[in-house]
Amino acid sequence: MEKELLYHFVFITLLILLSFMLLVCLIRAVKGPRVADRLMAVNMMGTMVMVMISILALMLKEGYLMDICLIYAMISFLSVVVFSKVYIGIYEERKNMEGENPDERS
């Protein structure tokens, strides 16, 4: 019984610590300064949410939460890939616009 109480305390402490770290990543995602920093912050937030769901699955002894965690991992990965593709497309378009001659633009 004492061991379960200790585990419960550790899980709650980890969830609070991860919540604070999630808030810091959210600030970085909003503040920037570069798009790469924002992408990294969004990726890190997804990873931390997956860890939080895993801790909750252990704490509540519910196996279905691990399935939700795996689905969330796939969605998080896809969102980072899509954001990266959009960022690369915008970067290349901006680079092409700067490379054109000002006389050729209409």
N, C-alpha and C. Protein backbone atom coordinates (compact mmCIF):
# COMPACT_ATOMS: atom_id res chain seq x y z
N MET A 1 0.82 -1.20 0.00
CA MET A 1 0.00 0.00 0.00
C MET A 1 0.87 1.26 0.00
N GLU A 2 1.92 1.24 0.78
CA GLU A 2 2.82 2.39 0.86
C GLU A 2 3.53 2.63 -0.47
N LYS A 3 3.86 1.55 -1.17
CA LYS A 3 4.52 1.65 -2.46
C LYS A 3 3.61 2.32 -3.49
N GLU A 4 2.31 1.99 -3.46
CA GLU A 4 1.35 2.61 -4.39
C GLU A 4 1.19 4.09 -4.11
N LEU A 5 1.20 4.47 -2.85
CA LEU A 5 1.10 5.87 -2.49
C LEU A 5 2.33 6.65 -2.97
N LEU A 6 3.49 6.03 -2.86
CA LEU A 6 4.72 6.66 -3.34
C LEU A 6 4.68 6.82 -4.85
N TYR A 7 4.24 5.79 -5.57
CA TYR A 7 4.11 5.89 -7.02
C TYR A 7 3.12 6.98 -7.42
N HIS A 8 2.03 7.06 -6.70
CA HIS A 8 1.02 8.08 -6.98
C HIS A 8 1.62 9.48 -6.83
N PHE A 9 2.39 9.68 -5.76
CA PHE A 9 3.04 10.96 -5.53
C PHE A 9 4.04 11.29 -6.65
N VAL A 10 4.81 10.30 -7.08
CA VAL A 10 5.79 10.50 -8.16
C VAL A 10 5.07 10.84 -9.46
N PHE A 11 3.99 10.13 -9.75
CA PHE A 11 3.24 10.39 -10.99
C PHE A 11 2.65 11.81 -10.99
N ILE A 12 2.07 12.22 -9.89
CA ILE A 12 1.51 13.57 -9.79
C ILE A 12 2.60 14.62 -9.94
N THR A 13 3.75 14.39 -9.32
CA THR A 13 4.87 15.33 -9.43
C THR A 13 5.35 15.43 -10.88
N LEU A 14 5.46 14.29 -11.55
CA LEU A 14 5.88 14.31 -12.96
C LEU A 14 4.87 15.02 -13.84
N LEU A 15 3.58 14.81 -13.58
CA LEU A 15 2.56 15.48 -14.38
C LEU A 15 2.60 17.00 -14.19
N ILE A 16 2.84 17.44 -12.97
CA ILE A 16 2.95 18.89 -12.71
C ILE A 16 4.18 19.46 -13.40
N LEU A 17 5.30 18.76 -13.32
CA LEU A 17 6.53 19.21 -13.97
C LEU A 17 6.36 19.25 -15.49
N LEU A 18 5.75 18.24 -16.05
CA LEU A 18 5.52 18.23 -17.50
C LEU A 18 4.53 19.31 -17.93
N SER A 19 3.57 19.62 -17.08
CA SER A 19 2.63 20.70 -17.40
C SER A 19 3.36 22.05 -17.47
N PHE A 20 4.27 22.26 -16.54
CA PHE A 20 5.06 23.49 -16.56
C PHE A 20 5.93 23.55 -17.82
N MET A 21 6.56 22.44 -18.16
CA MET A 21 7.40 22.40 -19.37
C MET A 21 6.56 22.59 -20.63
N LEU A 22 5.34 22.09 -20.62
CA LEU A 22 4.43 22.27 -21.74
C LEU A 22 4.08 23.74 -21.92
N LEU A 23 3.89 24.44 -20.82
CA LEU A 23 3.61 25.87 -20.87
C LEU A 23 4.80 26.64 -21.45
N VAL A 24 6.01 26.26 -21.06
CA VAL A 24 7.21 26.91 -21.59
C VAL A 24 7.33 26.67 -23.10
N CYS A 25 7.03 25.46 -23.54
CA CYS A 25 7.07 25.17 -24.99
C CYS A 25 6.00 25.94 -25.74
N LEU A 26 4.84 26.12 -25.11
CA LEU A 26 3.78 26.90 -25.75
C LEU A 26 4.22 28.35 -25.93
N ILE A 27 4.88 28.90 -24.94
CA ILE A 27 5.40 30.26 -25.06
C ILE A 27 6.41 30.34 -26.20
N ARG A 28 7.29 29.34 -26.31
CA ARG A 28 8.28 29.33 -27.39
C ARG A 28 7.60 29.19 -28.74
N ALA A 29 6.55 28.42 -28.81
CA ALA A 29 5.84 28.23 -30.08
C ALA A 29 5.16 29.52 -30.53
N VAL A 30 4.66 30.29 -29.59
CA VAL A 30 3.99 31.54 -29.94
C VAL A 30 5.00 32.65 -30.21
N LYS A 31 6.03 32.73 -29.37
CA LYS A 31 6.99 33.83 -29.43
C LYS A 31 7.97 33.70 -30.58
N GLY A 32 8.40 32.50 -30.88
CA GLY A 32 9.34 32.32 -32.00
C GLY A 32 10.77 32.33 -31.53
N PRO A 33 11.68 33.02 -32.11
CA PRO A 33 11.62 34.06 -33.13
C PRO A 33 11.59 33.50 -34.56
N ARG A 34 12.08 32.29 -34.77
CA ARG A 34 12.08 31.74 -36.13
C ARG A 34 11.04 30.64 -36.25
N VAL A 35 10.74 30.31 -37.50
CA VAL A 35 9.75 29.26 -37.76
C VAL A 35 10.30 27.91 -37.29
N ALA A 36 11.58 27.70 -37.44
CA ALA A 36 12.19 26.43 -37.00
C ALA A 36 12.02 26.24 -35.49
N ASP A 37 12.13 27.33 -34.73
CA ASP A 37 11.92 27.25 -33.28
C ASP A 37 10.48 26.87 -32.97
N ARG A 38 9.55 27.42 -33.74
CA ARG A 38 8.14 27.11 -33.53
C ARG A 38 7.84 25.64 -33.86
N LEU A 39 8.43 25.17 -34.95
CA LEU A 39 8.24 23.76 -35.32
C LEU A 39 8.79 22.83 -34.25
N MET A 40 9.95 23.15 -33.74
CA MET A 40 10.55 22.32 -32.69
C MET A 40 9.71 22.35 -31.42
N ALA A 41 9.16 23.51 -31.09
CA ALA A 41 8.32 23.62 -29.89
C ALA A 41 7.04 22.80 -30.05
N VAL A 42 6.43 22.83 -31.24
CA VAL A 42 5.21 22.05 -31.46
C VAL A 42 5.52 20.56 -31.37
N ASN A 43 6.64 20.15 -31.92
CA ASN A 43 7.05 18.74 -31.85
C ASN A 43 7.31 18.33 -30.39
N MET A 44 7.95 19.19 -29.65
CA MET A 44 8.25 18.90 -28.25
C MET A 44 6.96 18.84 -27.42
N MET A 45 6.01 19.71 -27.74
CA MET A 45 4.73 19.68 -27.03
C MET A 45 4.00 18.36 -27.28
N GLY A 46 4.04 17.88 -28.52
CA GLY A 46 3.42 16.60 -28.83
C GLY A 46 4.05 15.46 -28.05
N THR A 47 5.36 15.49 -27.96
CA THR A 47 6.07 14.44 -27.21
C THR A 47 5.72 14.49 -25.73
N MET A 48 5.66 15.68 -25.17
CA MET A 48 5.33 15.79 -23.75
C MET A 48 3.90 15.36 -23.46
N VAL A 49 2.97 15.66 -24.35
CA VAL A 49 1.60 15.21 -24.16
C VAL A 49 1.53 13.69 -24.20
N MET A 50 2.31 13.08 -25.10
CA MET A 50 2.33 11.61 -25.14
C MET A 50 2.87 11.03 -23.84
N VAL A 51 3.89 11.64 -23.28
CA VAL A 51 4.43 11.16 -22.00
C VAL A 51 3.40 11.34 -20.89
N MET A 52 2.69 12.47 -20.92
CA MET A 52 1.66 12.70 -19.90
C MET A 52 0.53 11.67 -20.00
N ILE A 53 0.13 11.34 -21.22
CA ILE A 53 -0.91 10.32 -21.39
C ILE A 53 -0.41 8.96 -20.90
N SER A 54 0.86 8.67 -21.16
CA SER A 54 1.43 7.39 -20.69
C SER A 54 1.47 7.32 -19.17
N ILE A 55 1.83 8.43 -18.54
CA ILE A 55 1.86 8.46 -17.08
C ILE A 55 0.45 8.27 -16.52
N LEU A 56 -0.52 8.92 -17.15
CA LEU A 56 -1.91 8.75 -16.72
C LEU A 56 -2.37 7.31 -16.89
N ALA A 57 -1.93 6.67 -17.97
CA ALA A 57 -2.30 5.27 -18.18
C ALA A 57 -1.73 4.39 -17.06
N LEU A 58 -0.51 4.66 -16.64
CA LEU A 58 0.07 3.89 -15.53
C LEU A 58 -0.62 4.21 -14.21
N MET A 59 -0.90 5.48 -14.01
CA MET A 59 -1.49 5.89 -12.74
C MET A 59 -2.91 5.37 -12.58
N LEU A 60 -3.69 5.43 -13.64
CA LEU A 60 -5.08 5.00 -13.57
C LEU A 60 -5.27 3.52 -13.89
N LYS A 61 -4.20 2.88 -14.33
CA LYS A 61 -4.22 1.46 -14.72
C LYS A 61 -5.27 1.19 -15.80
N GLU A 62 -5.26 2.04 -16.82
CA GLU A 62 -6.18 1.93 -17.95
C GLU A 62 -5.36 1.72 -19.23
N GLY A 63 -5.50 0.55 -19.84
CA GLY A 63 -4.72 0.20 -21.01
C GLY A 63 -5.12 0.95 -22.27
N TYR A 64 -6.40 1.34 -22.36
CA TYR A 64 -6.85 2.02 -23.57
C TYR A 64 -6.18 3.38 -23.76
N LEU A 65 -5.67 3.97 -22.69
CA LEU A 65 -4.98 5.24 -22.81
C LEU A 65 -3.69 5.11 -23.63
N MET A 66 -3.08 3.93 -23.61
CA MET A 66 -1.88 3.73 -24.43
C MET A 66 -2.24 3.72 -25.92
N ASP A 67 -3.42 3.20 -26.25
CA ASP A 67 -3.89 3.25 -27.63
C ASP A 67 -4.10 4.70 -28.07
N ILE A 68 -4.68 5.50 -27.18
CA ILE A 68 -4.86 6.91 -27.47
C ILE A 68 -3.52 7.60 -27.65
N CYS A 69 -2.56 7.20 -26.85
CA CYS A 69 -1.21 7.77 -26.95
C CYS A 69 -0.58 7.46 -28.30
N LEU A 70 -0.74 6.25 -28.78
CA LEU A 70 -0.20 5.88 -30.09
C LEU A 70 -0.88 6.65 -31.22
N ILE A 71 -2.19 6.81 -31.12
CA ILE A 71 -2.91 7.59 -32.14
C ILE A 71 -2.44 9.04 -32.09
N TYR A 72 -2.27 9.59 -30.90
CA TYR A 72 -1.79 10.96 -30.76
C TYR A 72 -0.38 11.11 -31.34
N ALA A 73 0.45 10.09 -31.18
CA ALA A 73 1.81 10.13 -31.74
C ALA A 73 1.77 10.22 -33.26
N MET A 74 0.89 9.46 -33.88
CA MET A 74 0.78 9.51 -35.34
C MET A 74 0.27 10.87 -35.81
N ILE A 75 -0.73 11.41 -35.11
CA ILE A 75 -1.27 12.71 -35.49
C ILE A 75 -0.21 13.81 -35.28
N SER A 76 0.52 13.74 -34.19
CA SER A 76 1.56 14.73 -33.92
C SER A 76 2.66 14.68 -34.97
N PHE A 77 3.06 13.48 -35.35
CA PHE A 77 4.08 13.34 -36.39
C PHE A 77 3.59 13.92 -37.71
N LEU A 78 2.36 13.62 -38.08
CA LEU A 78 1.81 14.15 -39.33
C LEU A 78 1.71 15.67 -39.31
N SER A 79 1.33 16.24 -38.18
CA SER A 79 1.22 17.70 -38.11
C SER A 79 2.58 18.37 -38.27
N VAL A 80 3.62 17.81 -37.68
CA VAL A 80 4.95 18.38 -37.83
C VAL A 80 5.42 18.26 -39.28
N VAL A 81 5.13 17.13 -39.92
CA VAL A 81 5.52 16.97 -41.33
C VAL A 81 4.78 17.98 -42.21
N VAL A 82 3.49 18.18 -41.97
CA VAL A 82 2.72 19.14 -42.76
C VAL A 82 3.22 20.55 -42.53
N PHE A 83 3.47 20.93 -41.28
CA PHE A 83 4.00 22.26 -40.99
C PHE A 83 5.36 22.47 -41.65
N SER A 84 6.19 21.44 -41.65
CA SER A 84 7.51 21.55 -42.29
C SER A 84 7.37 21.74 -43.79
N LYS A 85 6.46 21.00 -44.42
CA LYS A 85 6.25 21.14 -45.86
C LYS A 85 5.75 22.54 -46.21
N VAL A 86 4.82 23.05 -45.42
CA VAL A 86 4.30 24.40 -45.65
C VAL A 86 5.42 25.41 -45.50
N TYR A 87 6.23 25.27 -44.45
CA TYR A 87 7.34 26.20 -44.22
C TYR A 87 8.34 26.14 -45.36
N ILE A 88 8.67 24.95 -45.84
CA ILE A 88 9.63 24.83 -46.96
C ILE A 88 9.05 25.46 -48.22
N GLY A 89 7.74 25.27 -48.46
CA GLY A 89 7.11 25.88 -49.62
C GLY A 89 7.14 27.39 -49.56
N ILE A 90 6.85 27.96 -48.40
CA ILE A 90 6.88 29.41 -48.24
C ILE A 90 8.31 29.93 -48.40
N TYR A 91 9.27 29.21 -47.83
CA TYR A 91 10.67 29.62 -47.92
C TYR A 91 11.14 29.62 -49.38
N GLU A 92 10.81 28.57 -50.13
CA GLU A 92 11.24 28.50 -51.53
C GLU A 92 10.55 29.57 -52.37
N GLU A 93 9.28 29.84 -52.10
CA GLU A 93 8.57 30.88 -52.84
C GLU A 93 9.18 32.25 -52.57
N ARG A 94 9.50 32.51 -51.32
CA ARG A 94 10.12 33.78 -50.96
C ARG A 94 11.51 33.91 -51.60
N LYS A 95 12.24 32.81 -51.63
CA LYS A 95 13.57 32.81 -52.23
C LYS A 95 13.48 33.07 -53.74
N ASN A 96 12.49 32.48 -54.41
CA ASN A 96 12.31 32.70 -55.84
C ASN A 96 11.89 34.14 -56.14
N MET A 97 11.09 34.72 -55.28
CA MET A 97 10.65 36.11 -55.48
C MET A 97 11.82 37.07 -55.34
N GLU A 98 12.73 36.80 -54.42
CA GLU A 98 13.91 37.66 -54.24
C GLU A 98 14.88 37.51 -55.39
N GLY A 99 14.92 36.34 -56.02
CA GLY A 99 15.85 36.08 -57.11
C GLY A 99 15.41 36.69 -58.44
N GLU A 100 14.13 37.03 -58.54
CA GLU A 100 13.65 37.61 -59.80
C GLU A 100 14.14 39.04 -59.95
N ASN A 101 14.19 39.48 -61.20
CA ASN A 101 14.55 40.84 -61.51
C ASN A 101 13.35 41.75 -61.21
N PRO A 102 13.55 42.95 -60.67
CA PRO A 102 12.42 43.83 -60.41
C PRO A 102 11.69 44.24 -61.69
N ASP A 103 12.38 44.26 -62.86
CA ASP A 103 11.76 44.65 -64.11
C ASP A 103 10.84 43.56 -64.63
N GLU A 104 11.11 42.29 -64.25
CA GLU A 104 10.34 41.17 -64.78
C GLU A 104 9.02 40.98 -64.03
N ARG A 105 8.92 41.53 -62.84
CA ARG A 105 7.68 41.37 -62.06
C ARG A 105 6.57 42.21 -62.67
N SER A 106 5.38 41.66 -62.66
CA SER A 106 4.26 42.45 -63.18
C SER A 106 3.16 42.58 -62.18
